[in-house]
């Protein structure tokens, strides 16, 4: 039945947006994580990519997490010679995490999750009304 297919597709969208939110939370939690030794690399931002996948049993395209990779952009530098993680010139490498970008991604994930949830609610409502008509 088409309504179950739409619910299944939306559920896969909710699942990947939840995973995306987990990666964003990890990035935000580590926004100030520096290396443990002088000159060591700090936390590197993680990024998530999606892909569509045909579910042959149901015959519908769903979304899956393709991979969770790392952002290759440069680390930020801060002059702090008293920090134990500072290199020989007194600079500390900071994570390449921008809290504003993470908050924007979080809002986007939230909206996508809510949109998928609305589809499931609409499908359930249509299914319920159909059953009521058939009684």
Protein backbone atom coordinates (compact mmCIF):
# COMPACT_ATOMS: atom_id res chain seq x y z
CA UNK A 1 0.00 0.00 0.00
CA UNK A 2 1.31 3.45 -0.96
CA UNK A 3 0.70 4.96 2.47
CA UNK A 4 2.95 2.40 4.14
CA UNK A 5 5.64 3.09 1.54
CA UNK A 6 5.55 6.81 2.30
CA UNK A 7 5.78 6.08 6.02
CA UNK A 8 8.74 3.77 5.43
CA UNK A 9 10.55 6.36 3.31
CA UNK A 10 9.93 9.10 5.87
CA UNK A 11 11.15 6.85 8.66
CA UNK A 12 14.44 6.37 6.81
CA UNK A 13 14.71 10.17 6.50
CA UNK A 14 14.13 10.57 10.23
CA UNK A 15 16.76 7.92 10.97
CA UNK A 16 19.51 9.67 8.95
CA UNK A 17 18.62 13.09 10.33
CA UNK A 18 18.99 11.64 13.82
CA UNK A 19 22.45 10.37 12.87
CA UNK A 20 23.27 13.79 11.41
CA UNK A 21 22.23 15.41 14.68
CA UNK A 22 24.51 13.03 16.58
CA UNK A 23 27.49 14.08 14.43
CA UNK A 24 26.63 17.77 14.93
CA UNK A 25 26.40 17.26 18.70
CA UNK A 26 29.83 15.61 18.64
CA UNK A 27 31.27 18.58 16.72
CA UNK A 28 29.75 21.13 19.09
CA UNK A 29 30.91 19.21 22.15
CA UNK A 30 34.48 19.28 20.85
CA UNK A 31 34.56 22.91 19.68
CA UNK A 32 37.32 23.71 22.22
CA UNK A 33 39.14 20.35 22.30
CA UNK A 34 42.85 20.91 21.71
CA UNK A 35 45.64 18.38 21.39
CA UNK A 36 47.11 16.82 24.50
CA UNK A 37 50.77 17.40 23.66
CA UNK A 38 52.59 20.44 22.25
CA UNK A 39 51.93 20.78 18.52
CA UNK A 40 49.39 17.91 18.48
CA UNK A 41 46.34 18.10 16.23
CA UNK A 42 43.07 19.03 17.91
CA UNK A 43 39.66 17.50 17.22
CA UNK A 44 38.82 17.49 13.51
CA UNK A 45 35.24 18.32 12.47
CA UNK A 46 33.18 15.39 11.22
CA UNK A 47 30.83 15.61 8.26
CA UNK A 48 28.10 13.21 7.20
CA UNK A 49 27.03 12.33 3.67
CA UNK A 50 23.87 10.62 2.52
CA UNK A 51 22.98 8.44 -0.42
CA UNK A 52 19.80 6.97 -1.77
CA UNK A 53 19.32 3.24 -1.73
CA UNK A 54 16.70 1.16 -3.46
CA UNK A 55 14.83 -1.09 -1.07
CA UNK A 56 14.13 -4.00 -3.42
CA UNK A 57 11.61 -5.61 -1.10
CA UNK A 58 9.37 -2.55 -1.05
CA UNK A 59 10.50 -1.10 -4.41
CA UNK A 60 11.14 2.38 -3.05
CA UNK A 61 14.17 4.65 -2.76
CA UNK A 62 15.20 5.37 0.80
CA UNK A 63 18.01 7.43 2.25
CA UNK A 64 21.00 5.98 4.07
CA UNK A 65 24.13 7.37 5.67
CA UNK A 66 26.90 6.98 3.11
CA UNK A 67 29.76 7.79 5.44
CA UNK A 68 30.90 9.94 8.32
CA UNK A 69 34.12 11.57 7.22
CA UNK A 70 36.32 14.37 8.45
CA UNK A 71 36.51 17.96 7.27
CA UNK A 72 39.98 18.51 5.74
CA UNK A 73 39.95 22.29 6.28
CA UNK A 74 42.77 23.94 8.23
CA UNK A 75 42.77 24.25 11.98
CA UNK A 76 42.35 27.66 13.60
CA UNK A 77 45.41 29.06 15.40
CA UNK A 78 45.48 31.03 18.62
CA UNK A 79 48.50 32.61 20.26
CA UNK A 80 48.58 31.21 23.80
CA UNK A 81 52.18 30.42 24.86
CA UNK A 82 51.09 29.36 28.36
CA UNK A 83 48.86 26.58 27.08
CA UNK A 84 50.36 23.06 27.42
CA UNK A 85 49.26 22.30 23.85
CA UNK A 86 51.14 25.30 22.38
CA UNK A 87 53.81 24.62 19.77
CA UNK A 88 57.36 26.04 19.91
CA UNK A 89 56.13 29.41 18.56
CA UNK A 90 53.38 29.66 21.21
CA UNK A 91 50.44 28.90 18.94
CA UNK A 92 47.71 26.43 19.85
CA UNK A 93 45.83 24.61 17.09
CA UNK A 94 42.07 24.79 17.62
CA UNK A 95 39.47 22.50 16.04
CA UNK A 96 38.12 23.44 12.61
CA UNK A 97 34.61 23.53 14.09
CA UNK A 98 32.56 26.69 13.61
CA UNK A 99 29.71 26.75 16.14
CA UNK A 100 27.60 28.95 13.86
CA UNK A 101 27.87 26.47 10.98
CA UNK A 102 26.99 23.62 13.34
CA UNK A 103 23.93 25.48 14.63
CA UNK A 104 22.80 26.12 11.05
CA UNK A 105 23.23 22.44 10.19
CA UNK A 106 21.36 21.50 13.35
CA UNK A 107 18.37 23.68 12.38
CA UNK A 108 18.38 22.14 8.91
CA UNK A 109 18.43 18.62 10.37
CA UNK A 110 15.62 19.56 12.74
CA UNK A 111 13.45 20.91 9.92
CA UNK A 112 14.04 17.88 7.76
CA UNK A 113 13.22 15.58 10.68
CA UNK A 114 10.02 17.50 11.38
CA UNK A 115 9.01 17.42 7.70
CA UNK A 116 9.43 13.64 7.64
CA UNK A 117 7.44 13.38 10.87
CA UNK A 118 4.62 15.44 9.32
CA UNK A 119 4.53 13.05 6.34
CA UNK A 120 4.12 10.11 8.70
CA UNK A 121 1.39 11.91 10.63
CA UNK A 122 -0.44 12.77 7.40
CA UNK A 123 -0.12 9.19 6.13
CA UNK A 124 -1.42 7.83 9.42
CA UNK A 125 -4.34 10.25 9.37
CA UNK A 126 -5.24 9.31 5.80
CA UNK A 127 -5.03 5.62 6.65
CA UNK A 128 -7.17 6.08 9.75
CA UNK A 129 -9.83 8.01 7.82
CA UNK A 130 -9.85 5.37 5.10
CA UNK A 131 -10.47 2.66 7.68
CA UNK A 132 -13.27 4.74 9.21
CA UNK A 133 -14.96 5.08 5.80
CA UNK A 134 -14.74 1.33 5.18
CA UNK A 135 -16.48 0.43 8.48
